[in-house]
Amino acid sequence: MTIAISVKVHDGVVLAADSATTLFSPNGGISHVYNNANKILNLYKSSEKKMDGLPIGIITYGLGGIGNSSISTLIKDFRKSLMNNEVKWKIDIDNYKIEEVANNFKKFIYEDTYKPFFKDNQQPPFLGFIIAGYSSKTDLAEEWRIEILNGECVGPTSVRKKEEVGITWGGESKTINRLVIGFDPLLTNILKEMNFKDEQIIPTLRFIQQRTEAPIVPAAMPIQDAIDLAKFLVETTKNFTRFLPVAPTVGGPVEIATITKHEGFKWIIRKHYFDNQFNPRWTK
């Protein structure tokens, strides 16, 4: 499991995540948890053609790898193809849309990679992504979600209208649901146990949320405060799950990146397995 967060304000988008990745044994149990996975990546780095790169980032949650490749390696494979202007994933870097990039990524990760590998799997694993950034010649950022559940892919779906702001999260949702929305995701099942009819449950949850949701993301929030909020939510989730009687599937260093109109994709907190001093070009 993991916690992956996108905080969108009018100044830009903040992506934040923990670093835990979980390995499962053949019987479905957790065999090991590593705390050094990479879940945030930029999708178009600086190059000879585009010195400043493009203001597009991605965050992943759920499944940690497909076959012999981690999800971060697969994302880098897609990025390389995108930046090499390969015909299948080609975009006009001066006139592109985030939705276009998201649709191309869906074809790459789901049609070309996930489906062939898990075609005979009776319980295909869950995998999710949020692709965020700025379409060319636009003033406000966008967020597009892609999720693969029970082998079926939903999306890319727009998370919210361009002019709207808010928090989006994937992975271990219990903590943030309680803190921001005001109730646990298990409330749906509790209402069923209380003999609420199916058609009553959604209106009831909406009514409760209207009374309990914390309005903590105003449109004018500066990007630094959005960074602080995203970091707080990841660390709170990590610290809360630490004390639950379950495997510590949220953990490791927190990573944060921002995407803004003029500065593009920038790392705020980032881990490396190598020394930055000896590898300066890879730390950009």
C-alpha atoms as a PDB file:
ATOM      1  CA  MET A   1       0.000   0.000   0.000  1.00  0.00           C
ATOM      2  CA  THR A   2       1.039   3.620  -0.089  1.00  0.00           C
ATOM      3  CA  ILE A   3      -0.214   7.141   0.271  1.00  0.00           C
ATOM      4  CA  ALA A   4      -0.140   9.349  -2.812  1.00  0.00           C
ATOM      5  CA  ILE A   5      -1.443  12.918  -2.609  1.00  0.00           C
ATOM      6  CA  SER A   6      -2.136  15.728  -5.053  1.00  0.00           C
ATOM      7  CA  VAL A   7      -2.907  19.193  -3.684  1.00  0.00           C
ATOM      8  CA  LYS A   8      -4.145  21.613  -6.334  1.00  0.00           C
ATOM      9  CA  VAL A   9      -4.373  25.382  -5.855  1.00  0.00           C
ATOM     10  CA  HIS A  10      -4.458  28.178  -8.410  1.00  0.00           C
ATOM     11  CA  ASP A  11      -0.661  28.554  -8.190  1.00  0.00           C
ATOM     12  CA  GLY A  12      -0.061  24.940  -9.171  1.00  0.00           C
ATOM     13  CA  VAL A  13      -0.071  21.310  -8.043  1.00  0.00           C
ATOM     14  CA  VAL A  14       1.884  19.554  -5.300  1.00  0.00           C
ATOM     15  CA  LEU A  15       2.535  15.799  -5.543  1.00  0.00           C
ATOM     16  CA  ALA A  16       3.581  13.972  -2.369  1.00  0.00           C
ATOM     17  CA  ALA A  17       4.077  10.314  -1.446  1.00  0.00           C
ATOM     18  CA  ASP A  18       5.734   7.946   0.976  1.00  0.00           C
ATOM     19  CA  SER A  19       8.307   5.393  -0.196  1.00  0.00           C
ATOM     20  CA  ALA A  20       6.925   2.030   0.984  1.00  0.00           C
ATOM     21  CA  THR A  21       6.413  -0.845  -1.433  1.00  0.00           C
ATOM     22  CA  THR A  22       4.951  -4.186  -0.374  1.00  0.00           C
ATOM     23  CA  LEU A  23       5.820  -7.670  -1.598  1.00  0.00           C
ATOM     24  CA  PHE A  24       3.207 -10.415  -1.354  1.00  0.00           C
ATOM     25  CA  SER A  25       3.731 -14.147  -0.911  1.00  0.00           C
ATOM     26  CA  PRO A  26       1.996 -16.695  -3.201  1.00  0.00           C
ATOM     27  CA  ASN A  27      -0.763 -17.190  -0.610  1.00  0.00           C
ATOM     28  CA  GLY A  28      -1.599 -13.477  -0.690  1.00  0.00           C
ATOM     29  CA  GLY A  29       0.048 -12.509   2.588  1.00  0.00           C
ATOM     30  CA  ILE A  30       2.610  -9.740   2.997  1.00  0.00           C
ATOM     31  CA  SER A  31       6.138 -11.139   2.761  1.00  0.00           C
ATOM     32  CA  HIS A  32       8.177  -7.934   2.961  1.00  0.00           C
ATOM     33  CA  VAL A  33       7.887  -4.130   2.987  1.00  0.00           C
ATOM     34  CA  TYR A  34      10.657  -1.996   1.460  1.00  0.00           C
ATOM     35  CA  ASN A  35      10.859   1.737   2.161  1.00  0.00           C
ATOM     36  CA  ASN A  36      12.701   3.126  -0.865  1.00  0.00           C
ATOM     37  CA  ALA A  37      10.283   3.005  -3.794  1.00  0.00           C
ATOM     38  CA  ASN A  38       9.923   5.946  -6.205  1.00  0.00           C
ATOM     39  CA  LYS A  39       6.325   7.007  -6.771  1.00  0.00           C
ATOM     40  CA  ILE A  40       6.611  10.558  -8.176  1.00  0.00           C
ATOM     41  CA  LEU A  41       8.161  11.258 -11.573  1.00  0.00           C
ATOM     42  CA  ASN A  42       8.215  14.019 -14.130  1.00  0.00           C
ATOM     43  CA  LEU A  43       6.974  12.906 -17.556  1.00  0.00           C
ATOM     44  CA  TYR A  44       9.075  15.168 -19.775  1.00  0.00           C
ATOM     45  CA  LYS A  45      12.491  16.180 -18.493  1.00  0.00           C
ATOM     46  CA  SER A  46      14.704  18.885 -19.939  1.00  0.00           C
ATOM     47  CA  SER A  47      16.342  17.980 -23.252  1.00  0.00           C
ATOM     48  CA  GLU A  48      18.015  19.583 -26.255  1.00  0.00           C
ATOM     49  CA  LYS A  49      14.562  20.205 -27.768  1.00  0.00           C
ATOM     50  CA  LYS A  50      12.954  21.442 -24.569  1.00  0.00           C
ATOM     51  CA  MET A  51      15.517  22.860 -22.156  1.00  0.00           C
ATOM     52  CA  ASP A  52      12.997  23.442 -19.367  1.00  0.00           C
ATOM     53  CA  GLY A  53      11.102  20.186 -19.859  1.00  0.00           C
ATOM     54  CA  LEU A  54       7.310  20.204 -19.719  1.00  0.00           C
ATOM     55  CA  PRO A  55       5.143  20.931 -16.649  1.00  0.00           C
ATOM     56  CA  ILE A  56       3.797  17.378 -16.354  1.00  0.00           C
ATOM     57  CA  GLY A  57       4.163  14.956 -13.436  1.00  0.00           C
ATOM     58  CA  ILE A  58       2.773  11.599 -12.341  1.00  0.00           C
ATOM     59  CA  ILE A  59       2.247   9.851  -9.021  1.00  0.00           C
ATOM     60  CA  THR A  60       1.467   6.149  -8.608  1.00  0.00           C
ATOM     61  CA  TYR A  61      -0.113   3.983  -5.915  1.00  0.00           C
ATOM     62  CA  GLY A  62      -1.093   0.348  -5.543  1.00  0.00           C
ATOM     63  CA  LEU A  63       0.878  -2.324  -7.394  1.00  0.00           C
ATOM     64  CA  GLY A  64       4.646  -1.771  -7.191  1.00  0.00           C
ATOM     65  CA  GLY A  65       5.744  -3.561 -10.354  1.00  0.00           C
ATOM     66  CA  ILE A  66       4.761  -5.573 -13.421  1.00  0.00           C
ATOM     67  CA  GLY A  67       6.918  -8.535 -14.340  1.00  0.00           C
ATOM     68  CA  ASN A  68      10.582  -7.732 -13.864  1.00  0.00           C
ATOM     69  CA  SER A  69      10.095  -3.946 -13.864  1.00  0.00           C
ATOM     70  CA  SER A  70       9.022  -1.597 -11.098  1.00  0.00           C
ATOM     71  CA  ILE A  71       6.245   0.855 -11.913  1.00  0.00           C
ATOM     72  CA  SER A  72       8.768   3.721 -11.717  1.00  0.00           C
ATOM     73  CA  THR A  73      10.969   1.995 -14.326  1.00  0.00           C
ATOM     74  CA  LEU A  74       7.952   1.504 -16.594  1.00  0.00           C
ATOM     75  CA  ILE A  75       7.034   5.189 -16.238  1.00  0.00           C
ATOM     76  CA  LYS A  76      10.598   6.096 -17.194  1.00  0.00           C
ATOM     77  CA  ASP A  77      10.284   3.797 -20.243  1.00  0.00           C
ATOM     78  CA  PHE A  78       7.194   5.740 -21.302  1.00  0.00           C
ATOM     79  CA  ARG A  79       8.930   9.059 -20.621  1.00  0.00           C
ATOM     80  CA  LYS A  80      11.874   8.036 -22.786  1.00  0.00           C
ATOM     81  CA  SER A  81       9.536   7.107 -25.655  1.00  0.00           C
ATOM     82  CA  LEU A  82       7.638  10.370 -25.232  1.00  0.00           C
ATOM     83  CA  MET A  83      10.795  12.469 -25.216  1.00  0.00           C
ATOM     84  CA  ASN A  84      12.235  10.572 -28.199  1.00  0.00           C
ATOM     85  CA  ASN A  85       9.121  11.608 -30.115  1.00  0.00           C
ATOM     86  CA  GLU A  86       8.260   8.021 -31.026  1.00  0.00           C
ATOM     87  CA  VAL A  87       5.301   7.932 -33.393  1.00  0.00           C
ATOM     88  CA  LYS A  88       3.047   5.898 -31.085  1.00  0.00           C
ATOM     89  CA  TRP A  89       3.301   8.394 -28.209  1.00  0.00           C
ATOM     90  CA  LYS A  90       4.129  11.540 -30.162  1.00  0.00           C
ATOM     91  CA  ILE A  91       2.873  14.898 -28.872  1.00  0.00           C
ATOM     92  CA  ASP A  92       3.412  18.426 -30.118  1.00  0.00           C
ATOM     93  CA  ILE A  93       5.438  19.952 -27.272  1.00  0.00           C
ATOM     94  CA  ASP A  94       4.201  23.414 -28.269  1.00  0.00           C
ATOM     95  CA  ASN A  95       0.531  22.415 -28.473  1.00  0.00           C
ATOM     96  CA  TYR A  96      -0.432  19.462 -26.268  1.00  0.00           C
ATOM     97  CA  LYS A  97      -3.074  18.604 -23.672  1.00  0.00           C
ATOM     98  CA  ILE A  98      -2.585  16.773 -20.378  1.00  0.00           C
ATOM     99  CA  GLU A  99      -5.541  14.558 -21.315  1.00  0.00           C
ATOM    100  CA  GLU A 100      -3.675  13.547 -24.478  1.00  0.00           C
ATOM    101  CA  VAL A 101      -0.602  12.557 -22.451  1.00  0.00           C
ATOM    102  CA  ALA A 102      -2.815  10.655 -19.973  1.00  0.00           C
ATOM    103  CA  ASN A 103      -4.525   8.732 -22.779  1.00  0.00           C
ATOM    104  CA  ASN A 104      -1.166   7.783 -24.267  1.00  0.00           C
ATOM    105  CA  PHE A 105       0.077   6.630 -20.875  1.00  0.00           C
ATOM    106  CA  LYS A 106      -3.055   4.526 -20.357  1.00  0.00           C
ATOM    107  CA  LYS A 107      -2.401   2.716 -23.640  1.00  0.00           C
ATOM    108  CA  PHE A 108       1.215   2.127 -22.639  1.00  0.00           C
ATOM    109  CA  ILE A 109       0.667   0.956 -19.059  1.00  0.00           C
ATOM    110  CA  TYR A 110      -2.665  -0.863 -19.436  1.00  0.00           C
ATOM    111  CA  GLU A 111      -3.067  -2.048 -23.020  1.00  0.00           C
ATOM    112  CA  ASP A 112       0.597  -2.794 -23.760  1.00  0.00           C
ATOM    113  CA  THR A 113       1.905  -3.787 -20.322  1.00  0.00           C
ATOM    114  CA  TYR A 114      -0.651  -4.672 -17.637  1.00  0.00           C
ATOM    115  CA  LYS A 115      -3.219  -6.604 -19.685  1.00  0.00           C
ATOM    116  CA  PRO A 116      -0.766  -8.938 -21.443  1.00  0.00           C
ATOM    117  CA  PHE A 117       1.024  -9.765 -18.182  1.00  0.00           C
ATOM    118  CA  PHE A 118      -2.082 -10.353 -16.035  1.00  0.00           C
ATOM    119  CA  LYS A 119      -4.365 -11.840 -18.720  1.00  0.00           C
ATOM    120  CA  ASP A 120      -4.567 -15.228 -16.956  1.00  0.00           C
ATOM    121  CA  ASN A 121      -4.569 -13.871 -13.406  1.00  0.00           C
ATOM    122  CA  GLN A 122      -7.781 -14.636 -11.523  1.00  0.00           C
ATOM    123  CA  GLN A 123      -7.198 -11.744  -9.107  1.00  0.00           C
ATOM    124  CA  PRO A 124      -5.402  -8.982 -11.050  1.00  0.00           C
ATOM    125  CA  PRO A 125      -3.874  -6.412  -8.669  1.00  0.00           C
ATOM    126  CA  PHE A 126      -4.963  -2.821  -8.177  1.00  0.00           C
ATOM    127  CA  LEU A 127      -2.932   0.004  -9.708  1.00  0.00           C
ATOM    128  CA  GLY A 128      -3.569   3.738  -9.790  1.00  0.00           C
ATOM    129  CA  PHE A 129      -2.060   6.947 -11.161  1.00  0.00           C
ATOM    130  CA  ILE A 130      -2.649  10.685 -11.048  1.00  0.00           C
ATOM    131  CA  ILE A 131      -1.181  12.643 -13.958  1.00  0.00           C
ATOM    132  CA  ALA A 132      -1.030  16.365 -13.264  1.00  0.00           C
ATOM    133  CA  GLY A 133       0.275  19.512 -14.890  1.00  0.00           C
ATOM    134  CA  TYR A 134      -0.403  22.201 -17.438  1.00  0.00           C
ATOM    135  CA  SER A 135      -1.600  21.817 -20.993  1.00  0.00           C
ATOM    136  CA  SER A 136       0.191  24.178 -23.365  1.00  0.00           C
ATOM    137  CA  LYS A 137      -1.023  27.791 -23.379  1.00  0.00           C
ATOM    138  CA  THR A 138      -3.156  27.357 -20.226  1.00  0.00           C
ATOM    139  CA  ASP A 139      -3.138  29.198 -16.892  1.00  0.00           C
ATOM    140  CA  LEU A 140      -4.484  26.515 -14.545  1.00  0.00           C
ATOM    141  CA  ALA A 141      -3.289  22.992 -13.819  1.00  0.00           C
ATOM    142  CA  GLU A 142      -5.231  19.772 -14.384  1.00  0.00           C
ATOM    143  CA  GLU A 143      -5.327  16.362 -12.681  1.00  0.00           C
ATOM    144  CA  TRP A 144      -6.310  13.134 -14.470  1.00  0.00           C
ATOM    145  CA  ARG A 145      -6.792   9.828 -12.644  1.00  0.00           C
ATOM    146  CA  ILE A 146      -6.257   6.338 -14.073  1.00  0.00           C
ATOM    147  CA  GLU A 147      -7.140   3.261 -11.994  1.00  0.00           C
ATOM    148  CA  ILE A 148      -7.008  -0.452 -12.801  1.00  0.00           C
ATOM    149  CA  LEU A 149      -9.401  -2.420 -10.600  1.00  0.00           C
ATOM    150  CA  ASN A 150     -10.229  -6.118 -11.065  1.00  0.00           C
ATOM    151  CA  GLY A 151      -8.373  -6.020 -14.357  1.00  0.00           C
ATOM    152  CA  GLU A 152     -10.500  -3.212 -15.819  1.00  0.00           C
ATOM    153  CA  CYS A 153      -9.099   0.265 -16.448  1.00  0.00           C
ATOM    154  CA  VAL A 154     -11.116   3.371 -15.606  1.00  0.00           C
ATOM    155  CA  GLY A 155      -9.960   6.699 -16.973  1.00  0.00           C
ATOM    156  CA  PRO A 156      -8.244   8.897 -17.595  1.00  0.00           C
ATOM    157  CA  THR A 157     -10.906  10.806 -15.685  1.00  0.00           C
ATOM    158  CA  SER A 158     -10.652  14.497 -14.839  1.00  0.00           C
ATOM    159  CA  VAL A 159     -10.376  14.849 -11.065  1.00  0.00           C
ATOM    160  CA  ARG A 160     -11.948  18.316 -10.997  1.00  0.00           C
ATOM    161  CA  LYS A 161     -12.627  21.331 -13.194  1.00  0.00           C
ATOM    162  CA  LYS A 162      -9.615  23.531 -13.973  1.00  0.00           C
ATOM    163  CA  GLU A 163     -10.877  26.392 -11.837  1.00  0.00           C
ATOM    164  CA  GLU A 164     -11.540  24.111  -8.835  1.00  0.00           C
ATOM    165  CA  VAL A 165      -8.996  23.312  -6.108  1.00  0.00           C
ATOM    166  CA  GLY A 166      -8.665  20.561  -3.546  1.00  0.00           C
ATOM    167  CA  ILE A 167      -6.921  17.423  -2.315  1.00  0.00           C
ATOM    168  CA  THR A 168      -6.855  14.101  -4.154  1.00  0.00           C
ATOM    169  CA  TRP A 169      -5.387  10.925  -2.707  1.00  0.00           C
ATOM    170  CA  GLY A 170      -4.899   7.264  -3.468  1.00  0.00           C
ATOM    171  CA  GLY A 171      -3.712   4.211  -1.554  1.00  0.00           C
ATOM    172  CA  GLU A 172      -4.165   4.120   2.223  1.00  0.00           C
ATOM    173  CA  SER A 173      -7.174   6.421   2.469  1.00  0.00           C
ATOM    174  CA  LYS A 174      -8.380   5.798   6.019  1.00  0.00           C
ATOM    175  CA  THR A 175      -6.335   8.505   7.750  1.00  0.00           C
ATOM    176  CA  ILE A 176      -6.997  11.344   5.305  1.00  0.00           C
ATOM    177  CA  ASN A 177     -10.655  10.394   4.972  1.00  0.00           C
ATOM    178  CA  ARG A 178     -11.073  10.713   8.719  1.00  0.00           C
ATOM    179  CA  LEU A 179      -9.075  13.917   8.931  1.00  0.00           C
ATOM    180  CA  VAL A 180     -10.353  15.800   5.868  1.00  0.00           C
ATOM    181  CA  ILE A 181     -13.711  14.247   4.973  1.00  0.00           C
ATOM    182  CA  GLY A 182     -14.690  13.614   8.576  1.00  0.00           C
ATOM    183  CA  PHE A 183     -15.420   9.870   8.586  1.00  0.00           C
ATOM    184  CA  ASP A 184     -13.858   6.488   7.899  1.00  0.00           C
ATOM    185  CA  PRO A 185     -14.402   4.785   4.503  1.00  0.00           C
ATOM    186  CA  LEU A 186     -15.849   1.865   6.486  1.00  0.00           C
ATOM    187  CA  LEU A 187     -18.904   3.990   7.236  1.00  0.00           C
ATOM    188  CA  THR A 188     -20.483   2.671   4.028  1.00  0.00           C
ATOM    189  CA  ASN A 189     -20.382  -0.882   5.391  1.00  0.00           C
ATOM    190  CA  ILE A 190     -21.547   0.291   8.810  1.00  0.00           C
ATOM    191  CA  LEU A 191     -24.640   1.897   7.273  1.00  0.00           C
ATOM    192  CA  LYS A 192     -25.394  -1.377   5.476  1.00  0.00           C
ATOM    193  CA  GLU A 193     -25.127  -3.217   8.802  1.00  0.00           C
ATOM    194  CA  MET A 194     -27.624  -0.695  10.171  1.00  0.00           C
ATOM    195  CA  ASN A 195     -30.028  -1.792   7.412  1.00  0.00           C
ATOM    196  CA  PHE A 196     -29.774   1.377   5.355  1.00  0.00           C
ATOM    197  CA  LYS A 197     -31.059   0.759   1.849  1.00  0.00           C
ATOM    198  CA  ASP A 198     -28.569   1.108  -1.017  1.00  0.00           C
ATOM    199  CA  GLU A 199     -30.348   4.170  -2.375  1.00  0.00           C
ATOM    200  CA  GLN A 200     -30.074   5.833   1.062  1.00  0.00           C
ATOM    201  CA  ILE A 201     -26.360   5.332   1.616  1.00  0.00           C
ATOM    202  CA  ILE A 202     -24.865   7.792  -0.904  1.00  0.00           C
ATOM    203  CA  PRO A 203     -27.206  10.683   0.039  1.00  0.00           C
ATOM    204  CA  THR A 204     -26.472   9.986   3.720  1.00  0.00           C
ATOM    205  CA  LEU A 205     -22.709  10.066   3.169  1.00  0.00           C
ATOM    206  CA  ARG A 206     -23.000  13.286   1.170  1.00  0.00           C
ATOM    207  CA  PHE A 207     -25.059  14.878   3.930  1.00  0.00           C
ATOM    208  CA  ILE A 208     -22.511  13.897   6.585  1.00  0.00           C
ATOM    209  CA  GLN A 209     -19.606  15.119   4.438  1.00  0.00           C
ATOM    210  CA  GLN A 210     -21.261  18.511   3.958  1.00  0.00           C
ATOM    211  CA  ARG A 211     -21.285  18.863   7.757  1.00  0.00           C
ATOM    212  CA  THR A 212     -17.858  17.400   8.560  1.00  0.00           C
ATOM    213  CA  GLU A 213     -15.455  18.108   5.659  1.00  0.00           C
ATOM    214  CA  ALA A 214     -12.572  20.412   6.568  1.00  0.00           C
ATOM    215  CA  PRO A 215     -12.236  23.356   4.113  1.00  0.00           C
ATOM    216  CA  ILE A 216      -8.437  23.516   4.217  1.00  0.00           C
ATOM    217  CA  VAL A 217      -7.543  24.285   0.569  1.00  0.00           C
ATOM    218  CA  PRO A 218      -8.539  27.808  -0.513  1.00  0.00           C
ATOM    219  CA  ALA A 219      -7.828  28.660  -4.148  1.00  0.00           C
ATOM    220  CA  ALA A 220      -5.408  31.451  -3.185  1.00  0.00           C
ATOM    221  CA  MET A 221      -3.237  29.218  -0.965  1.00  0.00           C
ATOM    222  CA  PRO A 222       0.436  29.891  -1.853  1.00  0.00           C
ATOM    223  CA  ILE A 223       2.343  26.945  -3.284  1.00  0.00           C
ATOM    224  CA  GLN A 224       4.624  26.774  -0.214  1.00  0.00           C
ATOM    225  CA  ASP A 225       1.616  26.280   2.048  1.00  0.00           C
ATOM    226  CA  ALA A 226       0.281  23.606  -0.301  1.00  0.00           C
ATOM    227  CA  ILE A 227       3.671  21.883   0.030  1.00  0.00           C
ATOM    228  CA  ASP A 228       3.430  22.057   3.827  1.00  0.00           C
ATOM    229  CA  LEU A 229      -0.108  20.625   3.725  1.00  0.00           C
ATOM    230  CA  ALA A 230       0.846  17.733   1.434  1.00  0.00           C
ATOM    231  CA  LYS A 231       3.836  16.864   3.629  1.00  0.00           C
ATOM    232  CA  PHE A 232       1.668  17.012   6.761  1.00  0.00           C
ATOM    233  CA  LEU A 233      -0.903  14.635   5.252  1.00  0.00           C
ATOM    234  CA  VAL A 234       1.702  12.067   4.141  1.00  0.00           C
ATOM    235  CA  GLU A 235       3.525  12.155   7.474  1.00  0.00           C
ATOM    236  CA  THR A 236       0.269  11.967   9.445  1.00  0.00           C
ATOM    237  CA  THR A 237      -0.828   8.933   7.442  1.00  0.00           C
ATOM    238  CA  LYS A 238       2.571   7.291   7.984  1.00  0.00           C
ATOM    239  CA  ASN A 239       2.537   7.984  11.714  1.00  0.00           C
ATOM    240  CA  PHE A 240      -1.085   6.908  12.224  1.00  0.00           C
ATOM    241  CA  THR A 241      -0.717   3.596  10.366  1.00  0.00           C
ATOM    242  CA  ARG A 242       2.440   2.865  12.345  1.00  0.00           C
ATOM    243  CA  PHE A 243       0.295   2.278  15.442  1.00  0.00           C
ATOM    244  CA  LEU A 244      -2.420   0.200  13.778  1.00  0.00           C
ATOM    245  CA  PRO A 245      -2.313  -3.603  14.249  1.00  0.00           C
ATOM    246  CA  VAL A 246      -1.379  -4.144  10.595  1.00  0.00           C
ATOM    247  CA  ALA A 247       1.819  -4.380   8.532  1.00  0.00           C
ATOM    248  CA  PRO A 248       3.543  -0.961   8.161  1.00  0.00           C
ATOM    249  CA  THR A 249       2.715  -0.522   4.469  1.00  0.00           C
ATOM    250  CA  VAL A 250       3.067   3.280   4.566  1.00  0.00           C
ATOM    251  CA  GLY A 251       6.579   4.425   5.398  1.00  0.00           C
ATOM    252  CA  GLY A 252      10.022   5.497   4.329  1.00  0.00           C
ATOM    253  CA  PRO A 253      11.122   8.976   3.219  1.00  0.00           C
ATOM    254  CA  VAL A 254       8.521  11.496   2.044  1.00  0.00           C
ATOM    255  CA  GLU A 255       9.014  12.801  -1.494  1.00  0.00           C
ATOM    256  CA  ILE A 256       7.433  16.009  -2.806  1.00  0.00           C
ATOM    257  CA  ALA A 257       7.379  17.746  -6.182  1.00  0.00           C
ATOM    258  CA  THR A 258       5.585  20.843  -7.436  1.00  0.00           C
ATOM    259  CA  ILE A 259       4.289  21.776 -10.877  1.00  0.00           C
ATOM    260  CA  THR A 260       3.686  25.460 -11.576  1.00  0.00           C
ATOM    261  CA  LYS A 261       3.009  27.476 -14.700  1.00  0.00           C
ATOM    262  CA  HIS A 262       6.354  29.284 -14.896  1.00  0.00           C
ATOM    263  CA  GLU A 263       8.742  27.043 -12.952  1.00  0.00           C
ATOM    264  CA  GLY A 264       7.417  23.755 -14.354  1.00  0.00           C
ATOM    265  CA  PHE A 265       8.194  20.480 -12.525  1.00  0.00           C
ATOM    266  CA  LYS A 266      10.465  21.020  -9.513  1.00  0.00           C
ATOM    267  CA  TRP A 267      11.622  18.611  -6.817  1.00  0.00           C
ATOM    268  CA  ILE A 268      11.126  19.848  -3.250  1.00  0.00           C
ATOM    269  CA  ILE A 269      12.126  16.724  -1.292  1.00  0.00           C
ATOM    270  CA  ARG A 270      13.765  13.824  -3.083  1.00  0.00           C
ATOM    271  CA  LYS A 271      15.773  10.752  -2.144  1.00  0.00           C
ATOM    272  CA  HIS A 272      18.577   9.198  -4.182  1.00  0.00           C
ATOM    273  CA  TYR A 273      20.382   5.904  -3.854  1.00  0.00           C
ATOM    274  CA  PHE A 274      23.493   7.633  -5.215  1.00  0.00           C
ATOM    275  CA  ASP A 275      25.476  10.662  -4.058  1.00  0.00           C
ATOM    276  CA  ASN A 276      24.295  13.870  -5.738  1.00  0.00           C
ATOM    277  CA  GLN A 277      27.831  15.282  -5.552  1.00  0.00           C
ATOM    278  CA  PHE A 278      29.085  12.712  -8.063  1.00  0.00           C
ATOM    279  CA  ASN A 279      26.015  12.683 -10.299  1.00  0.00           C
ATOM    280  CA  PRO A 280      24.955  16.320 -10.764  1.00  0.00           C
ATOM    281  CA  ARG A 281      23.119  15.877 -14.067  1.00  0.00           C
ATOM    282  CA  TRP A 282      20.769  13.261 -12.574  1.00  0.00           C
ATOM    283  CA  THR A 283      19.627  15.530  -9.738  1.00  0.00           C
ATOM    284  CA  LYS A 284      17.932  18.074 -11.984  1.00  0.00           C
END
